[in-house]
Amino acid sequence: MSPAVAIRRAAIALVALALVLYPLVARDDRYHHTVLIMIFLLGIMAVGWNVIAGYTGYVSLGQSAFLGLGAYTVGIISRYVEVSPMMLAPLGGVVAAVVAVVLGLTFERDHASAPRLGC
């Protein structure tokens, strides 16, 4: 591994560690938490869209629905439980993944219903 690659990986690791520790350090900073959540959501959407449409050429809006489902779940839970949405963000991913698996298993058994739902 070249020194430039090692420095780049170390910098990425430090930034990732800082982003993971930020909600634990600044618990009451709602503005910056909101900005970070929006950055993460848009970054995830950009990567997902690049994989789906960029590499494969397949146009699908399913990732938007699952991202919205996870974000809505986190928003509702963080409103009633006094916890930062940043701490609950992985829960949104788990909820979206569970719904995706349930839908995937349903469509695997019944291929005729997939075109009716726009999948």
C-alpha atoms as a PDB file:
ATOM      1  CA  MET A   1       0.000   0.000   0.000  1.00  0.00           C
ATOM      2  CA  SER A   2       1.359   3.387  -0.983  1.00  0.00           C
ATOM      3  CA  PRO A   3       1.742   6.155   1.604  1.00  0.00           C
ATOM      4  CA  ALA A   4      -0.923   8.270  -0.122  1.00  0.00           C
ATOM      5  CA  VAL A   5      -3.492   5.479   0.187  1.00  0.00           C
ATOM      6  CA  ALA A   6      -2.594   4.944   3.853  1.00  0.00           C
ATOM      7  CA  ILE A   7      -2.989   8.667   4.609  1.00  0.00           C
ATOM      8  CA  ARG A   8      -6.310   8.772   2.783  1.00  0.00           C
ATOM      9  CA  ARG A   9      -7.645   5.750   4.687  1.00  0.00           C
ATOM     10  CA  ALA A  10      -6.496   7.207   8.005  1.00  0.00           C
ATOM     11  CA  ALA A  11      -8.206  10.523   7.221  1.00  0.00           C
ATOM     12  CA  ILE A  12     -11.445   8.765   6.288  1.00  0.00           C
ATOM     13  CA  ALA A  13     -11.282   6.698   9.483  1.00  0.00           C
ATOM     14  CA  LEU A  14     -10.761   9.829  11.617  1.00  0.00           C
ATOM     15  CA  VAL A  15     -13.677  11.650   9.973  1.00  0.00           C
ATOM     16  CA  ALA A  16     -15.913   8.599  10.397  1.00  0.00           C
ATOM     17  CA  LEU A  17     -14.932   8.307  14.067  1.00  0.00           C
ATOM     18  CA  ALA A  18     -15.647  12.022  14.619  1.00  0.00           C
ATOM     19  CA  LEU A  19     -19.071  11.663  12.989  1.00  0.00           C
ATOM     20  CA  VAL A  20     -19.911   8.635  15.116  1.00  0.00           C
ATOM     21  CA  LEU A  21     -18.840  10.349  18.347  1.00  0.00           C
ATOM     22  CA  TYR A  22     -20.468  13.732  17.598  1.00  0.00           C
ATOM     23  CA  PRO A  23     -23.996  12.824  18.810  1.00  0.00           C
ATOM     24  CA  LEU A  24     -22.531  11.569  22.077  1.00  0.00           C
ATOM     25  CA  VAL A  25     -20.548  14.760  22.665  1.00  0.00           C
ATOM     26  CA  ALA A  26     -23.087  17.395  21.527  1.00  0.00           C
ATOM     27  CA  ARG A  27     -26.394  15.952  22.690  1.00  0.00           C
ATOM     28  CA  ASP A  28     -28.403  19.198  22.715  1.00  0.00           C
ATOM     29  CA  ASP A  29     -27.233  20.665  19.402  1.00  0.00           C
ATOM     30  CA  ARG A  30     -30.389  20.088  17.326  1.00  0.00           C
ATOM     31  CA  TYR A  31     -29.379  22.286  14.388  1.00  0.00           C
ATOM     32  CA  HIS A  32     -26.130  20.467  13.675  1.00  0.00           C
ATOM     33  CA  HIS A  33     -27.806  17.096  14.254  1.00  0.00           C
ATOM     34  CA  THR A  34     -30.419  18.021  11.639  1.00  0.00           C
ATOM     35  CA  VAL A  35     -27.778  19.140   9.165  1.00  0.00           C
ATOM     36  CA  LEU A  36     -25.780  15.941   9.671  1.00  0.00           C
ATOM     37  CA  ILE A  37     -28.879  13.793   9.231  1.00  0.00           C
ATOM     38  CA  MET A  38     -29.701  15.545   5.957  1.00  0.00           C
ATOM     39  CA  ILE A  39     -26.108  15.116   4.740  1.00  0.00           C
ATOM     40  CA  PHE A  40     -26.178  11.398   5.591  1.00  0.00           C
ATOM     41  CA  LEU A  41     -29.567  10.862   3.960  1.00  0.00           C
ATOM     42  CA  LEU A  42     -28.622  12.659   0.776  1.00  0.00           C
ATOM     43  CA  GLY A  43     -25.257  10.882   0.665  1.00  0.00           C
ATOM     44  CA  ILE A  44     -26.922   7.489   1.029  1.00  0.00           C
ATOM     45  CA  MET A  45     -29.422   8.403  -1.679  1.00  0.00           C
ATOM     46  CA  ALA A  46     -26.628   9.530  -4.017  1.00  0.00           C
ATOM     47  CA  VAL A  47     -24.670   6.309  -3.564  1.00  0.00           C
ATOM     48  CA  GLY A  48     -27.796   4.175  -3.993  1.00  0.00           C
ATOM     49  CA  TRP A  49     -28.854   6.063  -7.114  1.00  0.00           C
ATOM     50  CA  ASN A  50     -25.337   5.763  -8.544  1.00  0.00           C
ATOM     51  CA  VAL A  51     -25.338   1.991  -8.054  1.00  0.00           C
ATOM     52  CA  ILE A  52     -28.869   1.441  -9.377  1.00  0.00           C
ATOM     53  CA  ALA A  53     -29.027   3.904 -12.266  1.00  0.00           C
ATOM     54  CA  GLY A  54     -25.370   4.661 -12.905  1.00  0.00           C
ATOM     55  CA  TYR A  55     -23.852   1.196 -13.067  1.00  0.00           C
ATOM     56  CA  THR A  56     -26.829  -0.890 -14.115  1.00  0.00           C
ATOM     57  CA  GLY A  57     -28.963   1.615 -16.024  1.00  0.00           C
ATOM     58  CA  TYR A  58     -32.074   0.444 -14.157  1.00  0.00           C
ATOM     59  CA  VAL A  59     -34.459   3.203 -13.096  1.00  0.00           C
ATOM     60  CA  SER A  60     -36.038   2.401  -9.738  1.00  0.00           C
ATOM     61  CA  LEU A  61     -37.536   4.670  -7.118  1.00  0.00           C
ATOM     62  CA  GLY A  62     -37.735   1.927  -4.503  1.00  0.00           C
ATOM     63  CA  GLN A  63     -34.719   3.202  -2.594  1.00  0.00           C
ATOM     64  CA  SER A  64     -36.502   6.527  -2.083  1.00  0.00           C
ATOM     65  CA  ALA A  65     -39.474   4.762  -0.540  1.00  0.00           C
ATOM     66  CA  PHE A  66     -37.296   2.736   1.825  1.00  0.00           C
ATOM     67  CA  LEU A  67     -35.248   5.778   2.811  1.00  0.00           C
ATOM     68  CA  GLY A  68     -38.458   7.681   3.516  1.00  0.00           C
ATOM     69  CA  LEU A  69     -39.803   4.790   5.584  1.00  0.00           C
ATOM     70  CA  GLY A  70     -36.655   4.652   7.702  1.00  0.00           C
ATOM     71  CA  ALA A  71     -36.508   8.428   8.139  1.00  0.00           C
ATOM     72  CA  TYR A  72     -40.186   8.621   9.081  1.00  0.00           C
ATOM     73  CA  THR A  73     -39.724   5.834  11.635  1.00  0.00           C
ATOM     74  CA  VAL A  74     -36.764   7.601  13.221  1.00  0.00           C
ATOM     75  CA  GLY A  75     -38.628  10.912  13.274  1.00  0.00           C
ATOM     76  CA  ILE A  76     -41.658   9.468  15.027  1.00  0.00           C
ATOM     77  CA  ILE A  77     -39.664   7.492  17.581  1.00  0.00           C
ATOM     78  CA  SER A  78     -37.302  10.380  18.373  1.00  0.00           C
ATOM     79  CA  ARG A  79     -40.278  12.648  18.991  1.00  0.00           C
ATOM     80  CA  TYR A  80     -41.813  10.417  21.655  1.00  0.00           C
ATOM     81  CA  VAL A  81     -38.584   9.074  23.147  1.00  0.00           C
ATOM     82  CA  GLU A  82     -36.197  11.834  24.177  1.00  0.00           C
ATOM     83  CA  VAL A  83     -33.294  10.507  22.105  1.00  0.00           C
ATOM     84  CA  SER A  84     -31.366  12.204  19.313  1.00  0.00           C
ATOM     85  CA  PRO A  85     -32.349  11.084  15.798  1.00  0.00           C
ATOM     86  CA  MET A  86     -28.662  10.462  15.144  1.00  0.00           C
ATOM     87  CA  MET A  87     -28.694   7.751  17.788  1.00  0.00           C
ATOM     88  CA  LEU A  88     -31.791   6.165  16.220  1.00  0.00           C
ATOM     89  CA  ALA A  89     -30.597   6.350  12.597  1.00  0.00           C
ATOM     90  CA  PRO A  90     -29.511   2.672  12.513  1.00  0.00           C
ATOM     91  CA  LEU A  91     -33.017   1.717  13.638  1.00  0.00           C
ATOM     92  CA  GLY A  92     -34.426   3.393  10.524  1.00  0.00           C
ATOM     93  CA  GLY A  93     -32.143   1.250   8.387  1.00  0.00           C
ATOM     94  CA  VAL A  94     -33.252  -1.893  10.192  1.00  0.00           C
ATOM     95  CA  VAL A  95     -36.947  -1.038   9.711  1.00  0.00           C
ATOM     96  CA  ALA A  96     -36.428  -0.333   6.005  1.00  0.00           C
ATOM     97  CA  ALA A  97     -34.452  -3.570   5.598  1.00  0.00           C
ATOM     98  CA  VAL A  98     -37.156  -5.629   7.306  1.00  0.00           C
ATOM     99  CA  VAL A  99     -39.860  -4.143   5.080  1.00  0.00           C
ATOM    100  CA  ALA A 100     -37.658  -4.731   2.020  1.00  0.00           C
ATOM    101  CA  VAL A 101     -37.115  -8.378   2.952  1.00  0.00           C
ATOM    102  CA  VAL A 102     -40.831  -8.924   3.535  1.00  0.00           C
ATOM    103  CA  LEU A 103     -41.698  -7.351   0.181  1.00  0.00           C
ATOM    104  CA  GLY A 104     -38.899  -9.244  -1.548  1.00  0.00           C
ATOM    105  CA  LEU A 105     -40.051 -12.586  -0.194  1.00  0.00           C
ATOM    106  CA  THR A 106     -43.629 -11.767  -1.191  1.00  0.00           C
ATOM    107  CA  PHE A 107     -42.644 -10.880  -4.744  1.00  0.00           C
ATOM    108  CA  GLU A 108     -40.370 -13.911  -5.002  1.00  0.00           C
ATOM    109  CA  ARG A 109     -43.378 -16.170  -4.519  1.00  0.00           C
ATOM    110  CA  ASP A 110     -45.829 -14.150  -6.630  1.00  0.00           C
ATOM    111  CA  HIS A 111     -44.174 -12.526  -9.656  1.00  0.00           C
ATOM    112  CA  ALA A 112     -47.493 -11.297 -11.032  1.00  0.00           C
ATOM    113  CA  SER A 113     -47.994  -8.715  -8.245  1.00  0.00           C
ATOM    114  CA  ALA A 114     -44.658  -6.949  -8.747  1.00  0.00           C
ATOM    115  CA  PRO A 115     -45.622  -5.019 -11.912  1.00  0.00           C
ATOM    116  CA  ARG A 116     -48.875  -3.859 -10.314  1.00  0.00           C
ATOM    117  CA  LEU A 117     -46.961  -2.196  -7.474  1.00  0.00           C
ATOM    118  CA  GLY A 118     -44.462  -0.582  -9.840  1.00  0.00           C
ATOM    119  CA  CYS A 119     -41.488  -2.660  -8.715  1.00  0.00           C
END
